[in-house]
Amino acid sequence: MQEYVNELFRRIFNFKFKKKVYQKTNQAYLYYYNQNLIRELLKLGLKRGDKIKNNLGIPNWIKSNRIYSKRCVRGLIDTDGCMYFCKRERHIYIKFTNFNQQLLDDFKEVTKSLGYSFTKANRRNACLYRKDDVVRFINDIKPLKANKAIATHKMGL
């Protein structure tokens, strides 16, 4: 995932992130200090600060464009989502979790406009359970996490 993000920013903004790894907590951070990058991101409608405190959602220019919406949903699933094989039901589920209510609501709105039936699992989760929707989602959205979920399913774990 880190390599994917690094390459994406290199292609769009022509720079490469630096990486800091914290072995004790099994975390890695990508970072880059550049005022020009900040100005470009702000021009795109992104805001400074904590997404939860600021109750940030998906910008309208993304919501109104089907291609951008798909890419945004893929990014949200790959960062704040999970795909797992349910042994009892014998198929893969997709779940998006977020503590930012606006982002969670926007996620449900965008996925609905793309034709997916994410349902509310609890206050912080939206899940896609229907087998045909899951297959179509994986084939259409192509989340990076799909490879691991499919491999787990094939191994029967």
C-alpha atoms as a PDB file:
ATOM      1  CA  MET A   1       0.000   0.000   0.000  1.00  0.00           C
ATOM      2  CA  GLN A   2       2.796   2.431   0.869  1.00  0.00           C
ATOM      3  CA  GLU A   3       4.468   1.855  -2.487  1.00  0.00           C
ATOM      4  CA  TYR A   4       1.151   2.458  -4.269  1.00  0.00           C
ATOM      5  CA  VAL A   5       0.575   5.785  -2.474  1.00  0.00           C
ATOM      6  CA  ASN A   6       4.168   6.860  -3.029  1.00  0.00           C
ATOM      7  CA  GLU A   7       3.943   6.131  -6.764  1.00  0.00           C
ATOM      8  CA  LEU A   8       0.577   7.883  -7.054  1.00  0.00           C
ATOM      9  CA  PHE A   9       1.938  11.088  -5.505  1.00  0.00           C
ATOM     10  CA  ARG A  10       5.093  10.846  -7.610  1.00  0.00           C
ATOM     11  CA  ARG A  11       2.998  10.683 -10.801  1.00  0.00           C
ATOM     12  CA  ILE A  12       0.599  13.472  -9.817  1.00  0.00           C
ATOM     13  CA  PHE A  13       2.826  15.896  -7.890  1.00  0.00           C
ATOM     14  CA  ASN A  14       6.315  14.747  -8.942  1.00  0.00           C
ATOM     15  CA  PHE A  15       7.723  14.041  -5.481  1.00  0.00           C
ATOM     16  CA  LYS A  16       8.512  11.049  -3.317  1.00  0.00           C
ATOM     17  CA  PHE A  17       7.501  10.587   0.297  1.00  0.00           C
ATOM     18  CA  LYS A  18       9.996   9.895   3.032  1.00  0.00           C
ATOM     19  CA  LYS A  19       9.197   6.931   5.237  1.00  0.00           C
ATOM     20  CA  LYS A  20       9.475   6.473   9.000  1.00  0.00           C
ATOM     21  CA  VAL A  21       8.948   3.030  10.511  1.00  0.00           C
ATOM     22  CA  TYR A  22       8.144   2.375  14.167  1.00  0.00           C
ATOM     23  CA  GLN A  23       9.120  -1.245  14.807  1.00  0.00           C
ATOM     24  CA  LYS A  24       7.653  -1.419  18.324  1.00  0.00           C
ATOM     25  CA  THR A  25       4.141  -0.544  17.147  1.00  0.00           C
ATOM     26  CA  ASN A  26       4.369  -2.035  13.628  1.00  0.00           C
ATOM     27  CA  GLN A  27       3.494   1.341  12.074  1.00  0.00           C
ATOM     28  CA  ALA A  28       4.920   3.211   9.129  1.00  0.00           C
ATOM     29  CA  TYR A  29       4.360   6.824   8.164  1.00  0.00           C
ATOM     30  CA  LEU A  30       4.865   8.483   4.814  1.00  0.00           C
ATOM     31  CA  TYR A  31       5.656  12.193   5.019  1.00  0.00           C
ATOM     32  CA  TYR A  32       6.776  15.099   2.897  1.00  0.00           C
ATOM     33  CA  TYR A  33       7.274  18.741   3.836  1.00  0.00           C
ATOM     34  CA  ASN A  34       6.436  21.139   1.024  1.00  0.00           C
ATOM     35  CA  GLN A  35       4.291  24.306   1.070  1.00  0.00           C
ATOM     36  CA  ASN A  36       3.526  23.998  -2.668  1.00  0.00           C
ATOM     37  CA  LEU A  37       2.009  20.561  -2.109  1.00  0.00           C
ATOM     38  CA  ILE A  38      -0.127  21.927   0.733  1.00  0.00           C
ATOM     39  CA  ARG A  39      -1.385  24.764  -1.488  1.00  0.00           C
ATOM     40  CA  GLU A  40      -2.278  22.286  -4.265  1.00  0.00           C
ATOM     41  CA  LEU A  41      -4.173  20.019  -1.865  1.00  0.00           C
ATOM     42  CA  LEU A  42      -6.049  22.986  -0.379  1.00  0.00           C
ATOM     43  CA  LYS A  43      -7.007  24.112  -3.914  1.00  0.00           C
ATOM     44  CA  LEU A  44      -8.523  20.659  -4.452  1.00  0.00           C
ATOM     45  CA  GLY A  45     -10.840  21.240  -1.496  1.00  0.00           C
ATOM     46  CA  LEU A  46      -8.936  19.347   1.180  1.00  0.00           C
ATOM     47  CA  LYS A  47      -8.766  20.957   4.612  1.00  0.00           C
ATOM     48  CA  ARG A  48      -6.025  21.190   7.202  1.00  0.00           C
ATOM     49  CA  GLY A  49      -6.364  19.393  10.497  1.00  0.00           C
ATOM     50  CA  ASP A  50      -8.075  16.386  11.967  1.00  0.00           C
ATOM     51  CA  LYS A  51     -10.753  14.840   9.708  1.00  0.00           C
ATOM     52  CA  ILE A  52     -12.849  13.771  12.689  1.00  0.00           C
ATOM     53  CA  LYS A  53     -12.707  17.069  14.599  1.00  0.00           C
ATOM     54  CA  ASN A  54     -13.418  18.984  11.378  1.00  0.00           C
ATOM     55  CA  ASN A  55     -16.128  16.477  10.359  1.00  0.00           C
ATOM     56  CA  LEU A  56     -14.762  16.341   6.818  1.00  0.00           C
ATOM     57  CA  GLY A  57     -16.464  14.392   4.074  1.00  0.00           C
ATOM     58  CA  ILE A  58     -15.990  13.592   0.407  1.00  0.00           C
ATOM     59  CA  PRO A  59     -15.765  16.780  -1.708  1.00  0.00           C
ATOM     60  CA  ASN A  60     -18.642  17.428  -4.132  1.00  0.00           C
ATOM     61  CA  TRP A  61     -16.306  17.420  -7.155  1.00  0.00           C
ATOM     62  CA  ILE A  62     -15.535  13.776  -6.347  1.00  0.00           C
ATOM     63  CA  LYS A  63     -19.170  12.860  -5.635  1.00  0.00           C
ATOM     64  CA  SER A  64     -20.304  14.303  -8.965  1.00  0.00           C
ATOM     65  CA  ASN A  65     -17.792  12.309 -11.043  1.00  0.00           C
ATOM     66  CA  ARG A  66     -18.260   8.530 -11.353  1.00  0.00           C
ATOM     67  CA  ILE A  67     -14.572   7.797 -12.043  1.00  0.00           C
ATOM     68  CA  TYR A  68     -13.393   9.908  -9.104  1.00  0.00           C
ATOM     69  CA  SER A  69     -16.086   8.359  -6.904  1.00  0.00           C
ATOM     70  CA  LYS A  70     -14.839   4.836  -7.687  1.00  0.00           C
ATOM     71  CA  ARG A  71     -11.251   5.799  -6.985  1.00  0.00           C
ATOM     72  CA  CYS A  72     -12.226   7.533  -3.750  1.00  0.00           C
ATOM     73  CA  VAL A  73     -14.193   4.479  -2.574  1.00  0.00           C
ATOM     74  CA  ARG A  74     -11.236   2.226  -3.439  1.00  0.00           C
ATOM     75  CA  GLY A  75      -8.930   4.469  -1.386  1.00  0.00           C
ATOM     76  CA  LEU A  76     -11.315   4.532   1.566  1.00  0.00           C
ATOM     77  CA  ILE A  77     -11.687   0.736   1.565  1.00  0.00           C
ATOM     78  CA  ASP A  78      -7.927   0.261   1.266  1.00  0.00           C
ATOM     79  CA  THR A  79      -7.239   2.625   4.180  1.00  0.00           C
ATOM     80  CA  ASP A  80     -10.245   2.433   6.522  1.00  0.00           C
ATOM     81  CA  GLY A  81     -11.956  -0.719   5.322  1.00  0.00           C
ATOM     82  CA  CYS A  82     -11.512  -4.440   5.451  1.00  0.00           C
ATOM     83  CA  MET A  83     -12.447  -7.454   3.380  1.00  0.00           C
ATOM     84  CA  TYR A  84     -12.833 -10.760   5.132  1.00  0.00           C
ATOM     85  CA  PHE A  85     -14.081 -14.260   4.523  1.00  0.00           C
ATOM     86  CA  CYS A  86     -17.061 -15.198   6.697  1.00  0.00           C
ATOM     87  CA  LYS A  87     -16.767 -18.920   7.437  1.00  0.00           C
ATOM     88  CA  ARG A  88     -20.407 -19.297   8.444  1.00  0.00           C
ATOM     89  CA  GLU A  89     -21.814 -17.697   5.291  1.00  0.00           C
ATOM     90  CA  ARG A  90     -18.953 -18.993   3.122  1.00  0.00           C
ATOM     91  CA  HIS A  91     -18.271 -15.764   1.257  1.00  0.00           C
ATOM     92  CA  ILE A  92     -16.418 -12.457   1.441  1.00  0.00           C
ATOM     93  CA  TYR A  93     -17.795  -9.366   3.188  1.00  0.00           C
ATOM     94  CA  ILE A  94     -16.596  -5.793   2.777  1.00  0.00           C
ATOM     95  CA  LYS A  95     -16.674  -3.362   5.704  1.00  0.00           C
ATOM     96  CA  PHE A  96     -15.871   0.350   5.949  1.00  0.00           C
ATOM     97  CA  THR A  97     -15.246   1.748   9.431  1.00  0.00           C
ATOM     98  CA  ASN A  98     -14.884   5.403  10.329  1.00  0.00           C
ATOM     99  CA  PHE A  99     -15.419   7.590  13.400  1.00  0.00           C
ATOM    100  CA  ASN A 100     -16.159  10.633  11.221  1.00  0.00           C
ATOM    101  CA  GLN A 101     -19.935  10.578  10.738  1.00  0.00           C
ATOM    102  CA  GLN A 102     -19.853  12.893   7.707  1.00  0.00           C
ATOM    103  CA  LEU A 103     -17.288  10.705   5.933  1.00  0.00           C
ATOM    104  CA  LEU A 104     -19.286   7.568   6.769  1.00  0.00           C
ATOM    105  CA  ASP A 105     -22.494   9.176   5.440  1.00  0.00           C
ATOM    106  CA  ASP A 106     -20.715  10.376   2.289  1.00  0.00           C
ATOM    107  CA  PHE A 107     -19.243   6.902   1.766  1.00  0.00           C
ATOM    108  CA  LYS A 108     -22.733   5.371   1.906  1.00  0.00           C
ATOM    109  CA  GLU A 109     -24.091   8.068  -0.448  1.00  0.00           C
ATOM    110  CA  VAL A 110     -21.326   7.560  -3.017  1.00  0.00           C
ATOM    111  CA  THR A 111     -21.466   3.760  -2.921  1.00  0.00           C
ATOM    112  CA  LYS A 112     -25.252   3.904  -3.311  1.00  0.00           C
ATOM    113  CA  SER A 113     -24.863   6.158  -6.369  1.00  0.00           C
ATOM    114  CA  LEU A 114     -22.446   3.534  -7.749  1.00  0.00           C
ATOM    115  CA  GLY A 115     -25.087   0.838  -7.208  1.00  0.00           C
ATOM    116  CA  TYR A 116     -23.831  -0.883  -4.050  1.00  0.00           C
ATOM    117  CA  SER A 117     -26.016  -1.708  -1.045  1.00  0.00           C
ATOM    118  CA  PHE A 118     -23.798  -1.010   1.962  1.00  0.00           C
ATOM    119  CA  THR A 119     -25.873  -1.396   5.107  1.00  0.00           C
ATOM    120  CA  LYS A 120     -25.302   0.080   8.542  1.00  0.00           C
ATOM    121  CA  ALA A 121     -23.683  -2.531  10.776  1.00  0.00           C
ATOM    122  CA  ASN A 122     -23.419  -0.125  13.725  1.00  0.00           C
ATOM    123  CA  ARG A 123     -22.709   3.578  14.298  1.00  0.00           C
ATOM    124  CA  ARG A 124     -19.219   3.352  12.822  1.00  0.00           C
ATOM    125  CA  ASN A 125     -19.507   0.674  10.114  1.00  0.00           C
ATOM    126  CA  ALA A 126     -21.084   0.159   6.732  1.00  0.00           C
ATOM    127  CA  CYS A 127     -21.001  -3.376   5.316  1.00  0.00           C
ATOM    128  CA  LEU A 128     -21.581  -4.992   1.963  1.00  0.00           C
ATOM    129  CA  TYR A 129     -23.002  -8.476   2.478  1.00  0.00           C
ATOM    130  CA  ARG A 130     -24.762  -9.534  -0.730  1.00  0.00           C
ATOM    131  CA  LYS A 131     -22.567 -11.993  -2.567  1.00  0.00           C
ATOM    132  CA  ASP A 132     -23.326 -10.632  -6.060  1.00  0.00           C
ATOM    133  CA  ASP A 133     -22.681  -7.038  -4.869  1.00  0.00           C
ATOM    134  CA  VAL A 134     -19.360  -8.094  -3.326  1.00  0.00           C
ATOM    135  CA  VAL A 135     -18.226  -9.791  -6.543  1.00  0.00           C
ATOM    136  CA  ARG A 136     -19.289  -6.797  -8.645  1.00  0.00           C
ATOM    137  CA  PHE A 137     -17.595  -4.399  -6.171  1.00  0.00           C
ATOM    138  CA  ILE A 138     -14.309  -6.315  -6.325  1.00  0.00           C
ATOM    139  CA  ASN A 139     -14.386  -6.455 -10.134  1.00  0.00           C
ATOM    140  CA  ASP A 140     -15.461  -2.818 -10.587  1.00  0.00           C
ATOM    141  CA  ILE A 141     -13.708  -0.932  -7.758  1.00  0.00           C
ATOM    142  CA  LYS A 142     -10.626  -3.199  -7.614  1.00  0.00           C
ATOM    143  CA  PRO A 143      -9.545  -2.538  -4.022  1.00  0.00           C
ATOM    144  CA  LEU A 144      -5.984  -3.597  -3.249  1.00  0.00           C
ATOM    145  CA  LYS A 145      -7.242  -5.530  -0.230  1.00  0.00           C
ATOM    146  CA  ALA A 146      -9.266  -7.828  -2.494  1.00  0.00           C
ATOM    147  CA  ASN A 147      -6.262 -10.000  -3.364  1.00  0.00           C
ATOM    148  CA  LYS A 148      -5.719 -11.044   0.250  1.00  0.00           C
ATOM    149  CA  ALA A 149      -9.432 -11.671   0.893  1.00  0.00           C
ATOM    150  CA  ILE A 150      -9.759 -13.767  -2.266  1.00  0.00           C
ATOM    151  CA  ALA A 151      -6.616 -15.757  -1.413  1.00  0.00           C
ATOM    152  CA  THR A 152      -7.968 -16.440   2.079  1.00  0.00           C
ATOM    153  CA  HIS A 153     -11.301 -17.547   0.603  1.00  0.00           C
ATOM    154  CA  LYS A 154      -9.609 -19.903  -1.882  1.00  0.00           C
ATOM    155  CA  MET A 155      -7.506 -21.459   0.864  1.00  0.00           C
ATOM    156  CA  GLY A 156     -10.668 -22.138   2.837  1.00  0.00           C
ATOM    157  CA  LEU A 157      -9.479 -20.337   5.978  1.00  0.00           C
END
